[in-house]
Full PDB file with SEQRES, HELIX, SHEET, SSBOND, CRYST1, ORIGX, SCALE, CONECT and MASTER records, all heavy atoms in Angstrom:
SEQRES   1 A   38  GLU GLN ALA ASP LEU PHE PRO LEU LEU ALA THR GLY VAL          
SEQRES   2 A   38  GLU ILE LEU GLN ILE ASN VAL GLY LYS MET CYS ASN GLN          
SEQRES   3 A   38  VAL CYS LYS HIS CYS HIS VAL ASP ALA GLY PRO ASP              
CRYST1    1.000    1.000    1.000  90.00  90.00  90.00 P 1           1          
ORIGX1      1.000000  0.000000  0.000000        0.00000                         
ORIGX2      0.000000  1.000000  0.000000        0.00000                         
ORIGX3      0.000000  0.000000  1.000000        0.00000                         
SCALE1      1.000000  0.000000  0.000000        0.00000                         
SCALE2      0.000000  1.000000  0.000000        0.00000                         
SCALE3      0.000000  0.000000  1.000000        0.00000                         
ATOM      1  N   GLU A   1       0.832  -1.201   0.000  1.00  0.00           N  
ATOM      2  CA  GLU A   1       0.000   0.000   0.000  1.00  0.00           C  
ATOM      3  C   GLU A   1       0.869   1.254   0.000  1.00  0.00           C  
ATOM      4  O   GLU A   1       0.603   2.220  -0.734  1.00  0.00           O  
ATOM      5  CB  GLU A   1      -0.925  -0.008   1.219  1.00  0.00           C  
ATOM      6  CG  GLU A   1      -2.057  -1.018   1.115  1.00  0.00           C  
ATOM      7  CD  GLU A   1      -2.828  -1.176   2.414  1.00  0.00           C  
ATOM      8  OE1 GLU A   1      -2.324  -0.702   3.469  1.00  0.00           O  
ATOM      9  OE2 GLU A   1      -3.909  -1.781   2.393  1.00  0.00           O  
ATOM     10  N   GLN A   2       1.930   1.236   0.807  1.00  0.00           N  
ATOM     11  CA  GLN A   2       2.844   2.381   0.860  1.00  0.00           C  
ATOM     12  C   GLN A   2       3.541   2.617  -0.481  1.00  0.00           C  
ATOM     13  O   GLN A   2       3.868   3.740  -0.832  1.00  0.00           O  
ATOM     14  CB  GLN A   2       3.887   2.155   1.960  1.00  0.00           C  
ATOM     15  CG  GLN A   2       3.329   2.180   3.372  1.00  0.00           C  
ATOM     16  CD  GLN A   2       4.303   1.647   4.406  1.00  0.00           C  
ATOM     17  OE1 GLN A   2       5.459   1.363   4.109  1.00  0.00           O  
ATOM     18  NE2 GLN A   2       3.837   1.495   5.639  1.00  0.00           N  
ATOM     19  N   ALA A   3       3.764   1.527  -1.228  1.00  0.00           N  
ATOM     20  CA  ALA A   3       4.416   1.630  -2.535  1.00  0.00           C  
ATOM     21  C   ALA A   3       3.410   1.867  -3.662  1.00  0.00           C  
ATOM     22  O   ALA A   3       3.786   1.886  -4.835  1.00  0.00           O  
ATOM     23  CB  ALA A   3       5.204   0.356  -2.817  1.00  0.00           C  
ATOM     24  N   ASP A   4       2.138   2.079  -3.286  1.00  0.00           N  
ATOM     25  CA  ASP A   4       1.057   2.276  -4.265  1.00  0.00           C  
ATOM     26  C   ASP A   4       0.949   1.075  -5.206  1.00  0.00           C  
ATOM     27  O   ASP A   4       0.721   1.243  -6.402  1.00  0.00           O  
ATOM     28  CB  ASP A   4       1.285   3.567  -5.056  1.00  0.00           C  
ATOM     29  CG  ASP A   4       0.009   4.051  -5.744  1.00  0.00           C  
ATOM     30  OD1 ASP A   4      -1.091   3.713  -5.266  1.00  0.00           O  
ATOM     31  OD2 ASP A   4       0.108   4.754  -6.771  1.00  0.00           O  
ATOM     32  N   LEU A   5       1.093  -0.121  -4.645  1.00  0.00           N  
ATOM     33  CA  LEU A   5       1.030  -1.344  -5.434  1.00  0.00           C  
ATOM     34  C   LEU A   5      -0.039  -2.306  -4.920  1.00  0.00           C  
ATOM     35  O   LEU A   5       0.003  -3.503  -5.209  1.00  0.00           O  
ATOM     36  CB  LEU A   5       2.395  -2.053  -5.422  1.00  0.00           C  
ATOM     37  CG  LEU A   5       3.483  -1.446  -6.301  1.00  0.00           C  
ATOM     38  CD1 LEU A   5       4.832  -2.104  -6.013  1.00  0.00           C  
ATOM     39  CD2 LEU A   5       3.122  -1.580  -7.777  1.00  0.00           C  
ATOM     40  N   PHE A   6      -0.994  -1.760  -4.155  1.00  0.00           N  
ATOM     41  CA  PHE A   6      -2.097  -2.609  -3.686  1.00  0.00           C  
ATOM     42  C   PHE A   6      -3.418  -2.011  -4.103  1.00  0.00           C  
ATOM     43  O   PHE A   6      -3.638  -0.819  -3.928  1.00  0.00           O  
ATOM     44  CB  PHE A   6      -2.049  -2.761  -2.153  1.00  0.00           C  
ATOM     45  CG  PHE A   6      -3.070  -3.739  -1.653  1.00  0.00           C  
ATOM     46  CD1 PHE A   6      -2.807  -5.095  -1.644  1.00  0.00           C  
ATOM     47  CD2 PHE A   6      -4.321  -3.292  -1.222  1.00  0.00           C  
ATOM     48  CE1 PHE A   6      -3.771  -6.008  -1.207  1.00  0.00           C  
ATOM     49  CE2 PHE A   6      -5.271  -4.190  -0.787  1.00  0.00           C  
ATOM     50  CZ  PHE A   6      -4.997  -5.550  -0.776  1.00  0.00           C  
ATOM     51  N   PRO A   7      -4.287  -2.830  -4.687  1.00  0.00           N  
ATOM     52  CA  PRO A   7      -4.081  -4.244  -5.007  1.00  0.00           C  
ATOM     53  C   PRO A   7      -3.038  -4.423  -6.110  1.00  0.00           C  
ATOM     54  O   PRO A   7      -2.905  -3.577  -7.002  1.00  0.00           O  
ATOM     55  CB  PRO A   7      -5.465  -4.698  -5.476  1.00  0.00           C  
ATOM     56  CG  PRO A   7      -6.111  -3.455  -5.999  1.00  0.00           C  
ATOM     57  CD  PRO A   7      -5.615  -2.355  -5.135  1.00  0.00           C  
ATOM     58  N   LEU A   8      -2.320  -5.552  -6.037  1.00  0.00           N  
ATOM     59  CA  LEU A   8      -1.346  -5.881  -7.068  1.00  0.00           C  
ATOM     60  C   LEU A   8      -2.085  -6.529  -8.231  1.00  0.00           C  
ATOM     61  O   LEU A   8      -2.743  -7.553  -8.067  1.00  0.00           O  
ATOM     62  CB  LEU A   8      -0.285  -6.841  -6.514  1.00  0.00           C  
ATOM     63  CG  LEU A   8       0.848  -7.217  -7.479  1.00  0.00           C  
ATOM     64  CD1 LEU A   8       1.685  -5.992  -7.849  1.00  0.00           C  
ATOM     65  CD2 LEU A   8       1.737  -8.306  -6.882  1.00  0.00           C  
ATOM     66  N   LEU A   9      -1.974  -5.911  -9.403  1.00  0.00           N  
ATOM     67  CA  LEU A   9      -2.755  -6.335 -10.559  1.00  0.00           C  
ATOM     68  C   LEU A   9      -1.923  -7.179 -11.510  1.00  0.00           C  
ATOM     69  O   LEU A   9      -0.740  -6.914 -11.724  1.00  0.00           O  
ATOM     70  CB  LEU A   9      -3.295  -5.112 -11.303  1.00  0.00           C  
ATOM     71  CG  LEU A   9      -4.106  -4.120 -10.463  1.00  0.00           C  
ATOM     72  CD1 LEU A   9      -4.474  -2.898 -11.311  1.00  0.00           C  
ATOM     73  CD2 LEU A   9      -5.356  -4.777  -9.897  1.00  0.00           C  
ATOM     74  N   ALA A  10      -2.555  -8.178 -12.094  1.00  0.00           N  
ATOM     75  CA  ALA A  10      -1.904  -8.966 -13.142  1.00  0.00           C  
ATOM     76  C   ALA A  10      -1.680  -8.085 -14.368  1.00  0.00           C  
ATOM     77  O   ALA A  10      -2.413  -7.117 -14.605  1.00  0.00           O  
ATOM     78  CB  ALA A  10      -2.776 -10.159 -13.513  1.00  0.00           C  
ATOM     79  N   THR A  11      -0.670  -8.419 -15.129  1.00  0.00           N  
ATOM     80  CA  THR A  11      -0.373  -7.673 -16.352  1.00  0.00           C  
ATOM     81  C   THR A  11      -0.691  -8.484 -17.604  1.00  0.00           C  
ATOM     82  O   THR A  11      -0.457  -8.024 -18.717  1.00  0.00           O  
ATOM     83  CB  THR A  11       1.119  -7.262 -16.391  1.00  0.00           C  
ATOM     84  OG1 THR A  11       1.935  -8.435 -16.264  1.00  0.00           O  
ATOM     85  CG2 THR A  11       1.441  -6.297 -15.265  1.00  0.00           C  
ATOM     86  N   GLY A  12      -1.233  -9.697 -17.423  1.00  0.00           N  
ATOM     87  CA  GLY A  12      -1.539 -10.579 -18.549  1.00  0.00           C  
ATOM     88  C   GLY A  12      -0.765 -11.880 -18.431  1.00  0.00           C  
ATOM     89  O   GLY A  12       0.410 -11.877 -18.041  1.00  0.00           O  
ATOM     90  N   VAL A  13      -1.404 -12.987 -18.760  1.00  0.00           N  
ATOM     91  CA  VAL A  13      -0.771 -14.291 -18.593  1.00  0.00           C  
ATOM     92  C   VAL A  13       0.141 -14.584 -19.781  1.00  0.00           C  
ATOM     93  O   VAL A  13      -0.322 -14.771 -20.905  1.00  0.00           O  
ATOM     94  CB  VAL A  13      -1.818 -15.419 -18.453  1.00  0.00           C  
ATOM     95  CG1 VAL A  13      -1.116 -16.754 -18.227  1.00  0.00           C  
ATOM     96  CG2 VAL A  13      -2.778 -15.121 -17.302  1.00  0.00           C  
ATOM     97  N   GLU A  14       1.439 -14.607 -19.509  1.00  0.00           N  
ATOM     98  CA  GLU A  14       2.431 -14.928 -20.529  1.00  0.00           C  
ATOM     99  C   GLU A  14       3.061 -16.300 -20.312  1.00  0.00           C  
ATOM    100  O   GLU A  14       3.647 -16.871 -21.234  1.00  0.00           O  
ATOM    101  CB  GLU A  14       3.534 -13.858 -20.534  1.00  0.00           C  
ATOM    102  CG  GLU A  14       3.035 -12.463 -20.869  1.00  0.00           C  
ATOM    103  CD  GLU A  14       4.101 -11.409 -20.689  1.00  0.00           C  
ATOM    104  OE1 GLU A  14       5.303 -11.771 -20.659  1.00  0.00           O  
ATOM    105  OE2 GLU A  14       3.752 -10.227 -20.550  1.00  0.00           O  
ATOM    106  N   ILE A  15       2.939 -16.815 -19.084  1.00  0.00           N  
ATOM    107  CA  ILE A  15       3.555 -18.099 -18.734  1.00  0.00           C  
ATOM    108  C   ILE A  15       2.538 -18.951 -17.999  1.00  0.00           C  
ATOM    109  O   ILE A  15       1.896 -18.494 -17.040  1.00  0.00           O  
ATOM    110  CB  ILE A  15       4.788 -17.899 -17.829  1.00  0.00           C  
ATOM    111  CG1 ILE A  15       5.835 -17.021 -18.515  1.00  0.00           C  
ATOM    112  CG2 ILE A  15       5.404 -19.245 -17.439  1.00  0.00           C  
ATOM    113  CD1 ILE A  15       6.957 -16.573 -17.598  1.00  0.00           C  
ATOM    114  N   LEU A  16       2.355 -20.175 -18.453  1.00  0.00           N  
ATOM    115  CA  LEU A  16       1.587 -21.163 -17.716  1.00  0.00           C  
ATOM    116  C   LEU A  16       2.601 -22.102 -17.068  1.00  0.00           C  
ATOM    117  O   LEU A  16       3.250 -22.897 -17.746  1.00  0.00           O  
ATOM    118  CB  LEU A  16       0.648 -21.936 -18.645  1.00  0.00           C  
ATOM    119  CG  LEU A  16      -0.440 -22.769 -17.954  1.00  0.00           C  
ATOM    120  CD1 LEU A  16      -1.449 -21.852 -17.255  1.00  0.00           C  
ATOM    121  CD2 LEU A  16      -1.158 -23.667 -18.946  1.00  0.00           C  
ATOM    122  N   GLN A  17       2.758 -21.960 -15.755  1.00  0.00           N  
ATOM    123  CA  GLN A  17       3.721 -22.790 -15.028  1.00  0.00           C  
ATOM    124  C   GLN A  17       2.971 -23.973 -14.419  1.00  0.00           C  
ATOM    125  O   GLN A  17       2.052 -23.789 -13.619  1.00  0.00           O  
ATOM    126  CB  GLN A  17       4.432 -22.000 -13.936  1.00  0.00           C  
ATOM    127  CG  GLN A  17       5.543 -22.793 -13.261  1.00  0.00           C  
ATOM    128  CD  GLN A  17       6.367 -21.960 -12.300  1.00  0.00           C  
ATOM    129  OE1 GLN A  17       5.854 -21.507 -11.297  1.00  0.00           O  
ATOM    130  NE2 GLN A  17       7.634 -21.778 -12.601  1.00  0.00           N  
ATOM    131  N   ILE A  18       3.349 -25.180 -14.820  1.00  0.00           N  
ATOM    132  CA  ILE A  18       2.587 -26.370 -14.483  1.00  0.00           C  
ATOM    133  C   ILE A  18       3.430 -27.307 -13.618  1.00  0.00           C  
ATOM    134  O   ILE A  18       4.496 -27.764 -14.031  1.00  0.00           O  
ATOM    135  CB  ILE A  18       2.141 -27.111 -15.757  1.00  0.00           C  
ATOM    136  CG1 ILE A  18       1.361 -26.163 -16.687  1.00  0.00           C  
ATOM    137  CG2 ILE A  18       1.304 -28.333 -15.407  1.00  0.00           C  
ATOM    138  CD1 ILE A  18       1.071 -26.743 -18.055  1.00  0.00           C  
ATOM    139  N   ASN A  19       2.944 -27.568 -12.413  1.00  0.00           N  
ATOM    140  CA  ASN A  19       3.597 -28.545 -11.543  1.00  0.00           C  
ATOM    141  C   ASN A  19       3.003 -29.908 -11.854  1.00  0.00           C  
ATOM    142  O   ASN A  19       1.844 -30.181 -11.526  1.00  0.00           O  
ATOM    143  CB  ASN A  19       3.380 -28.184 -10.074  1.00  0.00           C  
ATOM    144  CG  ASN A  19       4.179 -29.072  -9.145  1.00  0.00           C  
ATOM    145  OD1 ASN A  19       4.085 -30.288  -9.201  1.00  0.00           O  
ATOM    146  ND2 ASN A  19       4.971 -28.474  -8.272  1.00  0.00           N  
ATOM    147  N   VAL A  20       3.772 -30.770 -12.508  1.00  0.00           N  
ATOM    148  CA  VAL A  20       3.238 -32.057 -12.965  1.00  0.00           C  
ATOM    149  C   VAL A  20       3.360 -33.157 -11.913  1.00  0.00           C  
ATOM    150  O   VAL A  20       3.061 -34.324 -12.183  1.00  0.00           O  
ATOM    151  CB  VAL A  20       3.891 -32.507 -14.292  1.00  0.00           C  
ATOM    152  CG1 VAL A  20       3.612 -31.494 -15.392  1.00  0.00           C  
ATOM    153  CG2 VAL A  20       5.393 -32.719 -14.126  1.00  0.00           C  
ATOM    154  N   GLY A  21       3.793 -32.792 -10.703  1.00  0.00           N  
ATOM    155  CA  GLY A  21       3.839 -33.788  -9.631  1.00  0.00           C  
ATOM    156  C   GLY A  21       4.881 -33.471  -8.586  1.00  0.00           C  
ATOM    157  O   GLY A  21       5.878 -32.810  -8.866  1.00  0.00           O  
ATOM    158  N   LYS A  22       4.663 -33.951  -7.370  1.00  0.00           N  
ATOM    159  CA  LYS A  22       5.576 -33.688  -6.262  1.00  0.00           C  
ATOM    160  C   LYS A  22       6.604 -34.790  -6.069  1.00  0.00           C  
ATOM    161  O   LYS A  22       7.467 -34.690  -5.199  1.00  0.00           O  
ATOM    162  CB  LYS A  22       4.778 -33.476  -4.972  1.00  0.00           C  
ATOM    163  CG  LYS A  22       3.860 -32.255  -5.042  1.00  0.00           C  
ATOM    164  CD  LYS A  22       3.192 -31.970  -3.715  1.00  0.00           C  
ATOM    165  CE  LYS A  22       2.317 -30.733  -3.806  1.00  0.00           C  
ATOM    166  NZ  LYS A  22       1.714 -30.365  -2.504  1.00  0.00           N  
ATOM    167  N   MET A  23       6.540 -35.830  -6.906  1.00  0.00           N  
ATOM    168  CA  MET A  23       7.519 -36.906  -6.805  1.00  0.00           C  
ATOM    169  C   MET A  23       8.881 -36.419  -7.289  1.00  0.00           C  
ATOM    170  O   MET A  23       8.986 -35.721  -8.298  1.00  0.00           O  
ATOM    171  CB  MET A  23       7.077 -38.104  -7.636  1.00  0.00           C  
ATOM    172  CG  MET A  23       7.946 -39.341  -7.461  1.00  0.00           C  
ATOM    173  SD  MET A  23       7.355 -40.730  -8.458  1.00  0.00           S  
ATOM    174  CE  MET A  23       5.784 -41.070  -7.652  1.00  0.00           C  
ATOM    175  N   CYS A  24       9.931 -36.775  -6.552  1.00  0.00           N  
ATOM    176  CA  CYS A  24      11.281 -36.333  -6.894  1.00  0.00           C  
ATOM    177  C   CYS A  24      12.281 -37.389  -6.433  1.00  0.00           C  
ATOM    178  O   CYS A  24      12.020 -38.132  -5.483  1.00  0.00           O  
ATOM    179  CB  CYS A  24      11.587 -34.991  -6.230  1.00  0.00           C  
ATOM    180  SG  CYS A  24      13.115 -34.187  -6.813  1.00  0.00           S  
ATOM    181  N   ASN A  25      13.433 -37.438  -7.091  1.00  0.00           N  
ATOM    182  CA  ASN A  25      14.487 -38.358  -6.676  1.00  0.00           C  
ATOM    183  C   ASN A  25      15.391 -37.748  -5.610  1.00  0.00           C  
ATOM    184  O   ASN A  25      16.306 -38.404  -5.120  1.00  0.00           O  
ATOM    185  CB  ASN A  25      15.334 -38.775  -7.891  1.00  0.00           C  
ATOM    186  CG  ASN A  25      16.041 -37.607  -8.539  1.00  0.00           C  
ATOM    187  OD1 ASN A  25      15.412 -36.579  -8.828  1.00  0.00           O  
ATOM    188  ND2 ASN A  25      17.333 -37.740  -8.779  1.00  0.00           N  
ATOM    189  N   GLN A  26      15.139 -36.486  -5.241  1.00  0.00           N  
ATOM    190  CA  GLN A  26      15.925 -35.807  -4.209  1.00  0.00           C  
ATOM    191  C   GLN A  26      15.003 -35.335  -3.087  1.00  0.00           C  
ATOM    192  O   GLN A  26      13.793 -35.190  -3.279  1.00  0.00           O  
ATOM    193  CB  GLN A  26      16.647 -34.590  -4.803  1.00  0.00           C  
ATOM    194  CG  GLN A  26      17.692 -34.928  -5.841  1.00  0.00           C  
ATOM    195  CD  GLN A  26      18.436 -33.694  -6.356  1.00  0.00           C  
ATOM    196  OE1 GLN A  26      19.383 -33.820  -7.114  1.00  0.00           O  
ATOM    197  NE2 GLN A  26      18.006 -32.506  -5.973  1.00  0.00           N  
ATOM    198  N   VAL A  27      15.608 -35.064  -1.933  1.00  0.00           N  
ATOM    199  CA  VAL A  27      14.888 -34.453  -0.811  1.00  0.00           C  
ATOM    200  C   VAL A  27      15.740 -33.279  -0.331  1.00  0.00           C  
ATOM    201  O   VAL A  27      16.519 -33.399   0.613  1.00  0.00           O  
ATOM    202  CB  VAL A  27      14.646 -35.465   0.333  1.00  0.00           C  
ATOM    203  CG1 VAL A  27      13.738 -34.848   1.396  1.00  0.00           C  
ATOM    204  CG2 VAL A  27      14.022 -36.744  -0.183  1.00  0.00           C  
ATOM    205  N   CYS A  28      15.608 -32.140  -1.016  1.00  0.00           N  
ATOM    206  CA  CYS A  28      16.473 -30.985  -0.740  1.00  0.00           C  
ATOM    207  C   CYS A  28      16.010 -30.228   0.499  1.00  0.00           C  
ATOM    208  O   CYS A  28      14.810 -30.071   0.739  1.00  0.00           O  
ATOM    209  CB  CYS A  28      16.493 -30.055  -1.940  1.00  0.00           C  
ATOM    210  SG  CYS A  28      17.079 -30.852  -3.446  1.00  0.00           S  
ATOM    211  N   LYS A  29      16.962 -29.719   1.247  1.00  0.00           N  
ATOM    212  CA  LYS A  29      16.663 -29.083   2.531  1.00  0.00           C  
ATOM    213  C   LYS A  29      15.851 -27.804   2.386  1.00  0.00           C  
ATOM    214  O   LYS A  29      15.162 -27.391   3.322  1.00  0.00           O  
ATOM    215  CB  LYS A  29      17.977 -28.780   3.272  1.00  0.00           C  
ATOM    216  CG  LYS A  29      18.695 -30.022   3.773  1.00  0.00           C  
ATOM    217  CD  LYS A  29      19.963 -29.655   4.520  1.00  0.00           C  
ATOM    218  CE  LYS A  29      20.687 -30.897   5.035  1.00  0.00           C  
ATOM    219  NZ  LYS A  29      21.954 -30.575   5.711  1.00  0.00           N  
ATOM    220  N   HIS A  30      15.949 -27.149   1.238  1.00  0.00           N  
ATOM    221  CA  HIS A  30      15.282 -25.855   1.069  1.00  0.00           C  
ATOM    222  C   HIS A  30      13.967 -25.960   0.311  1.00  0.00           C  
ATOM    223  O   HIS A  30      13.308 -24.962   0.063  1.00  0.00           O  
ATOM    224  CB  HIS A  30      16.196 -24.904   0.305  1.00  0.00           C  
ATOM    225  CG  HIS A  30      16.322 -25.277  -1.142  1.00  0.00           C  
ATOM    226  ND1 HIS A  30      16.937 -26.438  -1.535  1.00  0.00           N  
ATOM    227  CD2 HIS A  30      15.872 -24.672  -2.263  1.00  0.00           C  
ATOM    228  CE1 HIS A  30      16.877 -26.517  -2.859  1.00  0.00           C  
ATOM    229  NE2 HIS A  30      16.225 -25.466  -3.318  1.00  0.00           N  
ATOM    230  N   CYS A  31      13.535 -27.153  -0.084  1.00  0.00           N  
ATOM    231  CA  CYS A  31      12.459 -27.335  -1.066  1.00  0.00           C  
ATOM    232  C   CYS A  31      11.120 -26.775  -0.577  1.00  0.00           C  
ATOM    233  O   CYS A  31      10.566 -27.232   0.418  1.00  0.00           O  
ATOM    234  CB  CYS A  31      12.315 -28.812  -1.405  1.00  0.00           C  
ATOM    235  SG  CYS A  31      11.065 -29.136  -2.671  1.00  0.00           S  
ATOM    236  N   HIS A  32      10.566 -25.820  -1.325  1.00  0.00           N  
ATOM    237  CA  HIS A  32       9.275 -25.242  -0.958  1.00  0.00           C  
ATOM    238  C   HIS A  32       8.116 -26.145  -1.375  1.00  0.00           C  
ATOM    239  O   HIS A  32       6.990 -25.956  -0.921  1.00  0.00           O  
ATOM    240  CB  HIS A  32       9.113 -23.849  -1.595  1.00  0.00           C  
ATOM    241  CG  HIS A  32       8.930 -23.866  -3.074  1.00  0.00           C  
ATOM    242  ND1 HIS A  32       9.990 -24.022  -3.943  1.00  0.00           N  
ATOM    243  CD2 HIS A  32       7.817 -23.760  -3.842  1.00  0.00           C  
ATOM    244  CE1 HIS A  32       9.527 -24.006  -5.182  1.00  0.00           C  
ATOM    245  NE2 HIS A  32       8.223 -23.849  -5.152  1.00  0.00           N  
ATOM    246  N   VAL A  33       8.391 -27.136  -2.225  1.00  0.00           N  
ATOM    247  CA  VAL A  33       7.362 -28.086  -2.657  1.00  0.00           C  
ATOM    248  C   VAL A  33       7.233 -29.238  -1.665  1.00  0.00           C  
ATOM    249  O   VAL A  33       6.222 -29.934  -1.641  1.00  0.00           O  
ATOM    250  CB  VAL A  33       7.692 -28.619  -4.072  1.00  0.00           C  
ATOM    251  CG1 VAL A  33       6.653 -29.615  -4.565  1.00  0.00           C  
ATOM    252  CG2 VAL A  33       7.828 -27.462  -5.068  1.00  0.00           C  
ATOM    253  N   ASP A  34       8.240 -29.432  -0.822  1.00  0.00           N  
ATOM    254  CA  ASP A  34       8.329 -30.605   0.057  1.00  0.00           C  
ATOM    255  C   ASP A  34       8.299 -31.878  -0.779  1.00  0.00           C  
ATOM    256  O   ASP A  34       7.639 -32.866  -0.438  1.00  0.00           O  
ATOM    257  CB  ASP A  34       7.203 -30.599   1.097  1.00  0.00           C  
ATOM    258  CG  ASP A  34       7.424 -31.636   2.208  1.00  0.00           C  
ATOM    259  OD1 ASP A  34       8.595 -31.949   2.504  1.00  0.00           O  
ATOM    260  OD2 ASP A  34       6.411 -32.124   2.758  1.00  0.00           O  
ATOM    261  N   ALA A  35       9.014 -31.842  -1.903  1.00  0.00           N  
ATOM    262  CA  ALA A  35       9.030 -32.965  -2.842  1.00  0.00           C  
ATOM    263  C   ALA A  35       9.964 -34.070  -2.349  1.00  0.00           C  
ATOM    264  O   ALA A  35      10.822 -33.855  -1.509  1.00  0.00           O  
ATOM    265  CB  ALA A  35       9.486 -32.481  -4.215  1.00  0.00           C  
ATOM    266  N   GLY A  36       9.783 -35.259  -2.921  1.00  0.00           N  
ATOM    267  CA  GLY A  36      10.659 -36.369  -2.585  1.00  0.00           C  
ATOM    268  C   GLY A  36      10.128 -37.667  -3.145  1.00  0.00           C  
ATOM    269  O   GLY A  36       9.034 -37.730  -3.707  1.00  0.00           O  
ATOM    270  N   PRO A  37      10.893 -38.748  -2.984  1.00  0.00           N  
ATOM    271  CA  PRO A  37      10.462 -40.059  -3.483  1.00  0.00           C  
ATOM    272  C   PRO A  37       9.175 -40.555  -2.834  1.00  0.00           C  
ATOM    273  O   PRO A  37       8.470 -41.381  -3.409  1.00  0.00           O  
ATOM    274  CB  PRO A  37      11.639 -40.983  -3.122  1.00  0.00           C  
ATOM    275  CG  PRO A  37      12.803 -40.078  -2.953  1.00  0.00           C  
ATOM    276  CD  PRO A  37      12.247 -38.798  -2.408  1.00  0.00           C  
ATOM    277  N   ASP A  38       8.871 -40.054  -1.619  1.00  0.00           N  
ATOM    278  CA  ASP A  38       7.671 -40.533  -0.927  1.00  0.00           C  
ATOM    279  C   ASP A  38       6.411 -39.764  -1.304  1.00  0.00           C  
ATOM    280  O   ASP A  38       5.318 -40.082  -0.835  1.00  0.00           O  
ATOM    281  CB  ASP A  38       7.868 -40.493   0.599  1.00  0.00           C  
ATOM    282  CG  ASP A  38       8.258 -39.115   1.107  1.00  0.00           C  
ATOM    283  OD1 ASP A  38       7.562 -38.138   0.797  1.00  0.00           O  
ATOM    284  OD2 ASP A  38       9.268 -39.013   1.829  1.00  0.00           O  
TER     285      ASP A  38                                                      
MASTER        0    0    0    0    0    0    0    6  284    1    0    3          
END                                                                             
């Protein structure tokens, strides 16, 4: 609000980012998906 950016408006969809699954061969310590073999 202080930056005059609220509400934050979309500018148009240029990228469709698709998560095709949470299965992974790694279990990284920082992973925001909480992905892994399990």
